[in-house]
Amino acid sequence: MNSQGKRGTGAGSNGLLKEKAAAIGALLLPCLAPEINSVFQFFLPGAAAHFLNDGPIPSRLFFLLFIYVIASLAFLSVGMVASAMILTQAVIICGLLMIAAWRAVKAPETLLLMSIVFALTSLTIVIMAYGFSLPDAYQKMVSAMTKEYDNAVHLYRKGAPSQVSPQLDQLIESVRQTLISYFPSIIGSFFIFLALSNILTFMKLNDVRERIANLHPSFDRWQMPWWLVWCFIVTGFMALVPQKPWADVGKNLVVVTSVFYLIQGFSIMKFFFKVMNTPVYVRYLVYALIGIQWYGLLLVVFTGLMDNWFDFRSRLETKMNSQDGGADG
C-alpha cells in the first residue's frame, strides 16, 4: 500500500534528500514565524506529508518523529515553548495524513479522524496546563477570549469618528454573547477547517506532481459517513432540552456536526458545477453570495445533510446518462 510516484520518486538519493528537506522546511517554517502561524498551518503540514509520501511507512514515521524530537528539544532549550507547540500540531497533521494515505482511508473519514484527534490533543494540553479542573480551565479560556474581544471593541470606540449608536452597541453585545455561548464550536470549527485545508493541500500536490496519494475520492465526491447523521439528530434534540448544560452542549455539537455537512454541501456544489460546465466567474459569484448571506450557508448545510437520503450526484448522473442515451438513439 505504499505510495509511489507515477513518474518516479525523484531519481536516486538526491531527489529523496530534496523531498525530505522540503518536508523539514514545511514543518519548521510555521514555528520560526509564529506571528503568521495561523496561515501557514492551514497548508504547510499537508505539503510536508506530500514530500514524505514515498517509501516504507515505518521509516517515514521514524524520520518524522526524529525531526520532531530534535526540533522540539532545540525550541525548548531556547525558551520557544510556543514554537514547540506549533510543531506538535504540524507533526500530528503530517503523521495522520501519511498514515491515512498508507491505509487508503477515505478523505471524509480522514477529516473526521483528524478533527477528533485535534480535539483530544487540545483537551490533553488543557489538562496538562490547568489540571483536571476542566470547568475552571474553560472559564479561564472564555475570559481570555472575551478580554481580547473587549480590547478590540475599546480600540474601535476610541478610534471611531463619532459616538457609537445604540444599535451598534446592541450588535457588539450580541456578538460577545454569541462568542461566549458558542466558544467550543468555534474552536471545533477551526480544527475542522484546519484539517480540511491540509487534506486538500496534500491531495492537490499529489495530483499536480502526479503522485498516487491513496487518499480518495476527489473533493467533488466527498460524502460523510452515514453514522454522522445520527450525531446530528441526537445533538439537535439535546439543543432543544431546556436544562443546562445539556442545551449548551447540544447547541455546540450540532454546530460542529453542521460544519461537516457544510463541507459535503460544497462538495455537491462543485460536482454540479463540474458536470454542468459552469463558467468560473459564475461559480465564484455563487460562492460569494453564499458567503455573505447566512441563510445561503444553511441551504448548503441542508443540501449536504439531505444527500444522505437522496444522493443528488447519482441522480444527476443517471438523468444525464439517460438524456445522452436518448440523444444517441
Protein backbone atom coordinates (compact mmCIF):
# COMPACT_ATOMS: atom_id res chain seq x y z
CA MET A 1 0.00 0.00 0.00
CA ASN A 2 2.97 2.32 -0.18
CA SER A 3 2.50 5.37 -2.37
CA GLN A 4 4.68 5.57 -5.43
CA GLY A 5 5.07 8.33 -7.97
CA LYS A 6 3.75 7.80 -11.46
CA ARG A 7 6.90 9.30 -12.87
CA GLY A 8 9.30 8.01 -10.24
CA THR A 9 10.26 9.43 -6.89
CA GLY A 10 12.98 11.82 -7.89
CA ALA A 11 15.70 9.58 -9.31
CA GLY A 12 18.01 8.46 -6.58
CA SER A 13 19.15 9.73 -3.22
CA ASN A 14 19.42 13.37 -4.33
CA GLY A 15 15.72 13.50 -5.14
CA LEU A 16 14.88 11.80 -1.85
CA LEU A 17 17.02 14.24 0.11
CA LYS A 18 15.34 17.19 -1.60
CA GLU A 19 11.93 15.80 -0.69
CA LYS A 20 12.95 15.35 2.95
CA ALA A 21 14.50 18.82 3.08
CA ALA A 22 11.28 20.31 1.69
CA ALA A 23 9.29 18.40 4.32
CA ILE A 24 11.51 19.69 7.13
CA GLY A 25 11.16 23.24 5.83
CA ALA A 26 7.37 22.93 5.63
CA LEU A 27 7.23 21.68 9.23
CA LEU A 28 9.61 24.25 10.74
CA LEU A 29 8.58 27.40 8.87
CA PRO A 30 5.40 27.99 10.94
CA CYS A 31 7.47 27.56 14.12
CA LEU A 32 10.00 30.19 13.04
CA ALA A 33 7.30 32.68 12.10
CA PRO A 34 4.66 32.27 14.83
CA GLU A 35 3.08 35.66 14.06
CA ILE A 36 1.70 34.24 10.80
CA ASN A 37 1.50 30.65 12.01
CA SER A 38 -2.28 30.54 11.59
CA VAL A 39 -1.88 30.99 7.83
CA PHE A 40 1.00 28.53 7.40
CA GLN A 41 -0.66 25.81 9.47
CA PHE A 42 -3.54 25.61 7.00
CA PHE A 43 -1.40 24.12 4.25
CA LEU A 44 2.27 23.51 5.14
CA PRO A 45 1.76 20.32 7.23
CA GLY A 46 -0.19 18.87 4.30
CA ALA A 47 2.67 19.82 2.00
CA ALA A 48 5.14 18.11 4.36
CA ALA A 49 3.04 14.93 4.24
CA HIS A 50 3.22 15.06 0.45
CA PHE A 51 7.00 15.33 0.46
CA LEU A 52 7.18 12.35 2.82
CA ASN A 53 4.77 10.26 0.79
CA ASP A 54 7.32 7.78 -0.60
CA GLY A 55 8.93 4.72 0.96
CA PRO A 56 8.01 2.28 3.75
CA ILE A 57 5.68 3.84 6.29
CA PRO A 58 7.77 2.82 9.37
CA SER A 59 10.86 4.62 8.07
CA ARG A 60 8.84 7.71 7.16
CA LEU A 61 7.18 7.88 10.57
CA PHE A 62 10.52 7.33 12.29
CA PHE A 63 12.02 10.20 10.28
CA LEU A 64 9.08 12.43 11.24
CA LEU A 65 9.46 11.50 14.92
CA PHE A 66 13.22 12.12 14.76
CA ILE A 67 12.74 15.62 13.32
CA TYR A 68 10.07 16.34 15.93
CA VAL A 69 12.23 15.31 18.88
CA ILE A 70 15.34 17.17 17.70
CA ALA A 71 13.47 20.36 16.76
CA SER A 72 11.33 20.35 19.94
CA LEU A 73 14.38 19.98 22.17
CA ALA A 74 16.05 22.84 20.30
CA PHE A 75 12.99 25.09 20.70
CA LEU A 76 12.55 24.25 24.39
CA SER A 77 16.24 24.79 25.12
CA VAL A 78 15.98 28.41 23.99
CA GLY A 79 12.59 29.01 25.63
CA MET A 80 10.49 28.86 22.43
CA VAL A 81 7.64 26.90 24.02
CA ALA A 82 5.05 28.25 21.59
CA SER A 83 7.12 27.08 18.63
CA ALA A 84 7.34 23.59 20.14
CA MET A 85 3.54 23.51 20.48
CA ILE A 86 3.11 24.67 16.88
CA LEU A 87 5.48 21.94 15.72
CA THR A 88 3.49 19.35 17.67
CA GLN A 89 0.32 20.29 15.82
CA ALA A 90 2.09 20.25 12.44
CA VAL A 91 3.63 16.82 13.11
CA ILE A 92 0.25 15.40 14.15
CA ILE A 93 -1.32 16.64 10.91
CA CYS A 94 1.56 15.34 8.80
CA GLY A 95 1.64 11.95 10.53
CA LEU A 96 -2.11 11.40 10.29
CA LEU A 97 -2.11 12.22 6.59
CA MET A 98 0.78 9.82 5.96
CA ILE A 99 -0.98 7.00 7.82
CA ALA A 100 -4.34 7.73 6.17
CA ALA A 101 -2.73 7.64 2.72
CA TRP A 102 -0.85 4.45 3.57
CA ARG A 103 -4.04 2.78 4.78
CA ALA A 104 -6.05 4.23 1.86
CA VAL A 105 -8.58 5.78 4.24
CA LYS A 106 -11.30 7.79 2.54
CA ALA A 107 -10.75 11.54 2.68
CA PRO A 108 -14.01 12.40 4.56
CA GLU A 109 -13.21 9.80 7.20
CA THR A 110 -9.69 11.23 7.45
CA LEU A 111 -11.25 14.65 8.03
CA LEU A 112 -13.35 13.30 10.89
CA LEU A 113 -10.40 11.43 12.39
CA MET A 114 -8.09 14.44 12.28
CA SER A 115 -10.74 16.72 13.81
CA ILE A 116 -11.29 14.28 16.70
CA VAL A 117 -7.54 13.95 17.27
CA PHE A 118 -7.19 17.75 17.36
CA ALA A 119 -9.96 17.97 19.95
CA LEU A 120 -8.40 15.26 22.13
CA THR A 121 -4.94 16.82 21.80
CA SER A 122 -6.29 20.21 22.86
CA LEU A 123 -8.08 18.61 25.80
CA THR A 124 -4.84 16.91 26.86
CA ILE A 125 -2.97 20.22 26.67
CA VAL A 126 -5.65 21.92 28.78
CA ILE A 127 -5.44 19.16 31.39
CA MET A 128 -1.65 19.45 31.48
CA ALA A 129 -1.86 23.23 31.86
CA TYR A 130 -4.75 23.51 34.32
CA GLY A 131 -5.08 20.09 35.87
CA PHE A 132 -8.32 18.12 35.84
CA SER A 133 -10.43 21.13 36.78
CA LEU A 134 -11.93 21.43 33.29
CA PRO A 135 -14.76 23.88 34.19
CA ASP A 136 -12.22 26.29 35.68
CA ALA A 137 -9.95 25.88 32.67
CA TYR A 138 -12.86 26.52 30.32
CA GLN A 139 -13.86 29.67 32.19
CA LYS A 140 -10.28 30.96 32.02
CA MET A 141 -10.15 30.40 28.26
CA VAL A 142 -13.51 32.12 27.76
CA SER A 143 -12.37 35.02 29.94
CA ALA A 144 -9.20 35.38 27.87
CA MET A 145 -11.24 35.37 24.66
CA THR A 146 -13.76 37.94 25.90
CA LYS A 147 -10.92 40.13 27.18
CA GLU A 148 -9.39 40.21 23.71
CA TYR A 149 -12.79 41.00 22.22
CA ASP A 150 -13.41 43.80 24.73
CA ASN A 151 -9.97 45.26 23.99
CA ALA A 152 -10.73 45.26 20.26
CA VAL A 153 -14.09 46.97 20.89
CA HIS A 154 -12.38 49.54 23.10
CA LEU A 155 -9.86 50.36 20.38
CA TYR A 156 -12.69 50.69 17.86
CA ARG A 157 -14.65 53.05 20.11
CA LYS A 158 -11.51 55.08 20.74
CA GLY A 159 -10.79 55.47 17.04
CA ALA A 160 -14.39 55.99 15.91
CA PRO A 161 -15.01 59.48 14.47
CA SER A 162 -18.34 59.77 16.31
CA GLN A 163 -20.20 58.21 19.19
CA VAL A 164 -21.26 54.61 18.65
CA SER A 165 -25.00 54.28 18.02
CA PRO A 166 -27.22 52.27 20.41
CA GLN A 167 -27.98 49.80 17.61
CA LEU A 168 -24.27 49.13 17.13
CA ASP A 169 -23.87 48.75 20.89
CA GLN A 170 -26.56 46.07 20.85
CA LEU A 171 -24.85 44.29 17.94
CA ILE A 172 -21.49 44.35 19.75
CA GLU A 173 -23.02 42.86 22.87
CA SER A 174 -24.91 40.28 20.81
CA VAL A 175 -21.69 39.16 19.13
CA ARG A 176 -20.00 38.98 22.52
CA GLN A 177 -22.71 36.72 23.94
CA THR A 178 -22.61 34.54 20.82
CA LEU A 179 -18.85 34.11 21.17
CA ILE A 180 -19.28 33.04 24.79
CA SER A 181 -22.15 30.63 24.06
CA TYR A 182 -20.53 29.03 21.04
CA PHE A 183 -16.87 29.18 22.06
CA PRO A 184 -16.38 25.35 21.95
CA SER A 185 -17.95 25.06 18.49
CA ILE A 186 -15.87 27.97 17.21
CA ILE A 187 -12.71 26.16 18.29
CA GLY A 188 -14.05 22.89 16.88
CA SER A 189 -14.86 24.52 13.54
CA PHE A 190 -11.33 25.90 13.38
CA PHE A 191 -9.95 22.38 13.84
CA ILE A 192 -12.21 21.03 11.09
CA PHE A 193 -11.15 23.66 8.56
CA LEU A 194 -7.52 23.21 9.59
CA ALA A 195 -7.81 19.51 8.81
CA LEU A 196 -9.75 20.17 5.59
CA SER A 197 -7.24 22.63 4.13
CA ASN A 198 -4.29 20.32 4.84
CA ILE A 199 -6.07 17.32 3.33
CA LEU A 200 -6.90 19.29 0.19
CA THR A 201 -3.31 20.60 0.01
CA PHE A 202 -1.97 17.06 0.27
CA MET A 203 -4.34 15.78 -2.42
CA LYS A 204 -3.72 18.75 -4.72
CA LEU A 205 0.07 18.45 -4.55
CA ASN A 206 -0.13 14.73 -5.28
CA ASP A 207 -2.38 15.48 -8.23
CA VAL A 208 -0.20 18.29 -9.62
CA ARG A 209 3.02 16.29 -9.23
CA GLU A 210 1.31 13.11 -10.46
CA ARG A 211 1.80 11.08 -7.32
CA ILE A 212 -0.53 8.33 -6.15
CA ALA A 213 -1.91 9.68 -2.87
CA ASN A 214 -4.16 6.75 -1.83
CA LEU A 215 -6.47 9.35 -0.32
CA HIS A 216 -9.74 9.33 -2.19
CA PRO A 217 -12.16 10.38 -3.54
CA SER A 218 -11.73 13.81 -5.12
CA PHE A 219 -13.44 16.65 -3.26
CA ASP A 220 -16.47 16.75 -5.58
CA ARG A 221 -17.25 13.16 -4.50
CA TRP A 222 -16.98 13.58 -0.74
CA GLN A 223 -19.73 12.07 1.41
CA MET A 224 -19.63 11.88 5.19
CA PRO A 225 -20.12 8.50 6.93
CA TRP A 226 -23.78 7.57 7.43
CA TRP A 227 -23.49 7.43 11.22
CA LEU A 228 -22.79 11.17 11.37
CA VAL A 229 -26.50 11.74 10.62
CA TRP A 230 -27.34 10.22 13.99
CA CYS A 231 -24.87 12.56 15.68
CA PHE A 232 -26.69 15.47 14.05
CA ILE A 233 -30.10 14.17 15.16
CA VAL A 234 -29.07 13.39 18.75
CA THR A 235 -27.24 16.69 19.27
CA GLY A 236 -30.18 18.52 17.69
CA PHE A 237 -32.54 17.06 20.30
CA MET A 238 -30.01 17.87 23.03
CA ALA A 239 -30.05 21.51 21.91
CA LEU A 240 -33.84 21.59 22.47
CA VAL A 241 -33.57 20.39 26.08
CA PRO A 242 -34.34 23.35 28.37
CA GLN A 243 -31.97 22.27 31.15
CA LYS A 244 -28.33 23.29 31.18
CA PRO A 245 -25.66 22.16 30.48
CA TRP A 246 -27.28 19.72 28.03
CA ALA A 247 -28.70 22.51 25.89
CA ASP A 248 -25.33 24.27 25.65
CA VAL A 249 -23.53 21.02 24.83
CA GLY A 250 -26.16 20.17 22.21
CA LYS A 251 -26.01 23.59 20.55
CA ASN A 252 -22.25 23.47 20.20
CA LEU A 253 -22.16 19.86 18.98
CA VAL A 254 -24.88 20.44 16.40
CA VAL A 255 -22.91 23.40 15.04
CA VAL A 256 -19.75 21.29 14.76
CA THR A 257 -21.67 18.48 13.05
CA SER A 258 -23.24 21.00 10.68
CA VAL A 259 -19.77 22.11 9.57
CA PHE A 260 -19.13 18.61 8.19
CA TYR A 261 -22.36 18.79 6.21
CA LEU A 262 -21.46 22.28 5.06
CA ILE A 263 -18.32 20.76 3.55
CA GLN A 264 -20.37 17.97 1.96
CA GLY A 265 -22.78 20.58 0.58
CA PHE A 266 -19.92 22.46 -1.07
CA SER A 267 -18.68 19.15 -2.46
CA ILE A 268 -22.07 18.62 -4.11
CA MET A 269 -21.99 22.17 -5.48
CA LYS A 270 -18.57 21.59 -7.00
CA PHE A 271 -19.82 18.37 -8.60
CA PHE A 272 -22.81 20.16 -10.13
CA PHE A 273 -20.62 22.99 -11.42
CA LYS A 274 -18.24 20.46 -12.94
CA VAL A 275 -20.93 18.36 -14.61
CA MET A 276 -22.85 21.38 -15.89
CA ASN A 277 -19.65 23.07 -17.18
CA THR A 278 -20.46 26.21 -15.21
CA PRO A 279 -18.14 29.16 -16.04
CA VAL A 280 -15.59 30.00 -13.37
CA TYR A 281 -16.89 33.54 -12.81
CA VAL A 282 -20.40 32.19 -12.14
CA ARG A 283 -19.00 29.73 -9.58
CA TYR A 284 -17.17 32.47 -7.68
CA LEU A 285 -20.24 34.68 -7.81
CA VAL A 286 -22.37 31.93 -6.27
CA TYR A 287 -19.76 31.26 -3.58
CA ALA A 288 -19.59 34.99 -2.78
CA LEU A 289 -23.37 35.26 -2.47
CA ILE A 290 -23.46 32.23 -0.17
CA GLY A 291 -20.65 33.68 1.94
CA ILE A 292 -22.42 36.99 2.60
CA GLN A 293 -25.86 35.51 3.26
CA TRP A 294 -26.13 33.31 6.35
CA TYR A 295 -29.22 31.51 5.03
CA GLY A 296 -27.17 30.56 1.97
CA LEU A 297 -24.82 28.65 4.26
CA LEU A 298 -27.81 26.97 5.92
CA LEU A 299 -29.04 25.90 2.49
CA VAL A 300 -25.63 24.35 1.74
CA VAL A 301 -25.71 22.51 5.10
CA PHE A 302 -29.23 21.26 4.35
CA THR A 303 -28.10 20.07 0.91
CA GLY A 304 -25.21 18.12 2.41
CA LEU A 305 -27.49 16.59 5.05
CA MET A 306 -30.22 15.57 2.59
CA ASP A 307 -27.64 14.00 0.28
CA ASN A 308 -27.52 11.07 2.69
CA TRP A 309 -31.03 10.10 1.59
CA PHE A 310 -31.36 11.49 -1.93
CA ASP A 311 -27.81 11.07 -3.31
CA PHE A 312 -28.06 14.11 -5.57
CA ARG A 313 -24.91 13.30 -7.55
CA SER A 314 -26.07 9.83 -8.57
CA ARG A 315 -29.46 11.21 -9.55
CA LEU A 316 -27.88 13.86 -11.76
CA GLU A 317 -25.55 11.32 -13.39
CA THR A 318 -28.45 8.95 -14.04
CA LYS A 319 -30.50 11.75 -15.56
CA MET A 320 -27.68 12.94 -17.79
CA ASN A 321 -26.84 9.39 -18.89
CA SER A 322 -30.47 8.77 -19.82
CA GLN A 323 -30.54 12.02 -21.80
CA ASP A 324 -27.33 11.08 -23.61
CA GLY A 325 -28.77 7.63 -24.36
CA GLY A 326 -31.95 9.19 -25.74
CA ALA A 327 -29.97 11.61 -27.90
CA ASP A 328 -27.81 8.78 -29.27
CA GLY A 329 -30.89 6.77 -30.06
